Amino acid sequence: MSTPPNSDEFYEKLKTQLQETTTWPSEYLYKFIIKTDVHKIAILEAIFDNMGAVINTTGSKNGNYTSISINLLMKDPDAVIEKYLEVTEKVDGVISL
């Protein structure tokens, strides 16, 4: 999710959707795609370290990109958004799905 053009609006909409469709606390699945770079992948994984996250990585067919799925228990929509913001701030070129 290279930051959307109007990220404040995007995150407000996401927060509303999460509040309306989920009972909190709840498990949340983050999905990211990143150019394969061991350092960037380590930074992304470290953001979710010590949180009880289940992290799965899958390389693309040619090995140029890595898909990272992170499943963990989050307390509320604000916590979900905080993690998205932290990832986009610390990991260059990450795409959030």
C-alpha atoms as a PDB file:
ATOM      1  CA  MET A   1       0.000   0.000   0.000  1.00  0.00           C
ATOM      2  CA  SER A   2       2.445   2.533  -1.087  1.00  0.00           C
ATOM      3  CA  THR A   3       0.630   5.224   0.754  1.00  0.00           C
ATOM      4  CA  PRO A   4      -2.587   6.059  -1.066  1.00  0.00           C
ATOM      5  CA  PRO A   5      -2.977   9.593  -2.472  1.00  0.00           C
ATOM      6  CA  ASN A   6      -5.142  10.663   0.463  1.00  0.00           C
ATOM      7  CA  SER A   7      -3.963   8.305   3.169  1.00  0.00           C
ATOM      8  CA  ASP A   8      -5.971   9.940   5.979  1.00  0.00           C
ATOM      9  CA  GLU A   9      -9.176   9.338   4.040  1.00  0.00           C
ATOM     10  CA  PHE A  10      -8.099   5.791   3.167  1.00  0.00           C
ATOM     11  CA  TYR A  11      -7.374   4.867   6.800  1.00  0.00           C
ATOM     12  CA  GLU A  12     -10.601   6.460   8.051  1.00  0.00           C
ATOM     13  CA  LYS A  13     -12.570   4.360   5.555  1.00  0.00           C
ATOM     14  CA  LEU A  14     -10.647   1.231   6.589  1.00  0.00           C
ATOM     15  CA  LYS A  15     -11.296   1.967  10.271  1.00  0.00           C
ATOM     16  CA  THR A  16     -15.033   2.363   9.635  1.00  0.00           C
ATOM     17  CA  GLN A  17     -15.171  -0.887   7.655  1.00  0.00           C
ATOM     18  CA  LEU A  18     -13.296  -2.775  10.364  1.00  0.00           C
ATOM     19  CA  GLN A  19     -15.584  -1.400  13.086  1.00  0.00           C
ATOM     20  CA  GLU A  20     -18.705  -2.364  11.154  1.00  0.00           C
ATOM     21  CA  THR A  21     -17.648  -5.855  10.098  1.00  0.00           C
ATOM     22  CA  THR A  22     -15.596  -7.245  12.971  1.00  0.00           C
ATOM     23  CA  THR A  23     -15.976  -7.901  16.677  1.00  0.00           C
ATOM     24  CA  TRP A  24     -12.827  -6.805  18.504  1.00  0.00           C
ATOM     25  CA  PRO A  25     -10.382  -8.111  19.587  1.00  0.00           C
ATOM     26  CA  SER A  26     -10.064 -10.238  16.475  1.00  0.00           C
ATOM     27  CA  GLU A  27      -7.544 -11.989  14.281  1.00  0.00           C
ATOM     28  CA  TYR A  28      -6.403  -9.851  11.378  1.00  0.00           C
ATOM     29  CA  LEU A  29      -4.542 -10.954   8.254  1.00  0.00           C
ATOM     30  CA  TYR A  30      -2.008  -8.530   6.819  1.00  0.00           C
ATOM     31  CA  LYS A  31      -0.744  -9.221   3.302  1.00  0.00           C
ATOM     32  CA  PHE A  32       2.266  -7.510   1.803  1.00  0.00           C
ATOM     33  CA  ILE A  33       4.309  -7.824  -1.361  1.00  0.00           C
ATOM     34  CA  ILE A  34       7.885  -6.631  -1.408  1.00  0.00           C
ATOM     35  CA  LYS A  35      10.790  -6.845  -3.803  1.00  0.00           C
ATOM     36  CA  THR A  36      12.866  -9.755  -2.528  1.00  0.00           C
ATOM     37  CA  ASP A  37      15.410  -8.182  -0.178  1.00  0.00           C
ATOM     38  CA  VAL A  38      16.475 -10.048   2.956  1.00  0.00           C
ATOM     39  CA  HIS A  39      17.011  -6.800   4.865  1.00  0.00           C
ATOM     40  CA  LYS A  40      13.558  -5.373   4.032  1.00  0.00           C
ATOM     41  CA  ILE A  41      11.865  -8.672   4.843  1.00  0.00           C
ATOM     42  CA  ALA A  42      13.665  -8.768   8.211  1.00  0.00           C
ATOM     43  CA  ILE A  43      12.502  -5.225   9.014  1.00  0.00           C
ATOM     44  CA  LEU A  44       8.917  -6.099   8.135  1.00  0.00           C
ATOM     45  CA  GLU A  45       9.012  -9.271  10.252  1.00  0.00           C
ATOM     46  CA  ALA A  46      10.586  -7.363  13.168  1.00  0.00           C
ATOM     47  CA  ILE A  47       7.634  -4.947  13.215  1.00  0.00           C
ATOM     48  CA  PHE A  48       5.386  -7.878  14.181  1.00  0.00           C
ATOM     49  CA  ASP A  49       7.946  -9.640  16.403  1.00  0.00           C
ATOM     50  CA  ASN A  50       6.897 -10.687  19.926  1.00  0.00           C
ATOM     51  CA  MET A  51       3.210 -10.234  19.148  1.00  0.00           C
ATOM     52  CA  GLY A  52       2.324 -13.885  18.596  1.00  0.00           C
ATOM     53  CA  ALA A  53       2.115 -13.367  14.842  1.00  0.00           C
ATOM     54  CA  VAL A  54       2.101 -16.250  12.400  1.00  0.00           C
ATOM     55  CA  ILE A  55       4.260 -15.113   9.464  1.00  0.00           C
ATOM     56  CA  ASN A  56       4.355 -16.914   6.105  1.00  0.00           C
ATOM     57  CA  THR A  57       6.590 -15.871   3.233  1.00  0.00           C
ATOM     58  CA  THR A  58       6.346 -17.069  -0.352  1.00  0.00           C
ATOM     59  CA  GLY A  59       8.747 -16.170  -3.144  1.00  0.00           C
ATOM     60  CA  SER A  60       7.477 -15.382  -6.617  1.00  0.00           C
ATOM     61  CA  LYS A  61       8.151 -17.780  -9.479  1.00  0.00           C
ATOM     62  CA  ASN A  62      11.223 -15.824 -10.600  1.00  0.00           C
ATOM     63  CA  GLY A  63      12.269 -14.898  -7.059  1.00  0.00           C
ATOM     64  CA  ASN A  64      11.969 -11.155  -7.693  1.00  0.00           C
ATOM     65  CA  TYR A  65       9.170 -10.584  -5.183  1.00  0.00           C
ATOM     66  CA  THR A  66       8.157 -12.025  -1.841  1.00  0.00           C
ATOM     67  CA  SER A  67       4.617 -12.280  -0.523  1.00  0.00           C
ATOM     68  CA  ILE A  68       4.328 -11.989   3.247  1.00  0.00           C
ATOM     69  CA  SER A  69       1.162 -12.943   5.144  1.00  0.00           C
ATOM     70  CA  ILE A  70       0.950 -12.057   8.810  1.00  0.00           C
ATOM     71  CA  ASN A  71      -1.903 -13.303  10.967  1.00  0.00           C
ATOM     72  CA  LEU A  72      -2.283 -12.065  14.534  1.00  0.00           C
ATOM     73  CA  LEU A  73      -4.733 -11.029  17.192  1.00  0.00           C
ATOM     74  CA  MET A  74      -5.367  -7.273  17.186  1.00  0.00           C
ATOM     75  CA  LYS A  75      -7.239  -5.359  19.888  1.00  0.00           C
ATOM     76  CA  ASP A  76      -9.067  -2.842  17.666  1.00  0.00           C
ATOM     77  CA  PRO A  77      -9.085  -1.099  14.265  1.00  0.00           C
ATOM     78  CA  ASP A  78      -6.717   1.616  15.533  1.00  0.00           C
ATOM     79  CA  ALA A  79      -4.085  -1.039  16.336  1.00  0.00           C
ATOM     80  CA  VAL A  80      -4.483  -2.504  12.828  1.00  0.00           C
ATOM     81  CA  ILE A  81      -3.950   0.903  11.227  1.00  0.00           C
ATOM     82  CA  GLU A  82      -0.979   1.712  13.482  1.00  0.00           C
ATOM     83  CA  LYS A  83       0.811  -1.376  12.148  1.00  0.00           C
ATOM     84  CA  TYR A  84       0.058  -0.443   8.536  1.00  0.00           C
ATOM     85  CA  LEU A  85       1.485   3.031   9.162  1.00  0.00           C
ATOM     86  CA  GLU A  86       4.575   1.603  10.844  1.00  0.00           C
ATOM     87  CA  VAL A  87       5.201  -0.759   7.921  1.00  0.00           C
ATOM     88  CA  THR A  88       4.851   1.980   5.280  1.00  0.00           C
ATOM     89  CA  GLU A  89       7.132   4.242   7.330  1.00  0.00           C
ATOM     90  CA  LYS A  90       9.909   1.669   7.864  1.00  0.00           C
ATOM     91  CA  VAL A  91       9.835  -0.491   4.719  1.00  0.00           C
ATOM     92  CA  ASP A  92      10.484   1.181   1.383  1.00  0.00           C
ATOM     93  CA  GLY A  93       8.486  -0.064  -1.594  1.00  0.00           C
ATOM     94  CA  VAL A  94       6.110  -2.323   0.317  1.00  0.00           C
ATOM     95  CA  ILE A  95       2.708  -2.985  -1.238  1.00  0.00           C
ATOM     96  CA  SER A  96      -0.156  -3.776   1.108  1.00  0.00           C
ATOM     97  CA  LEU A  97      -3.060  -5.855  -0.123  1.00  0.00           C
END
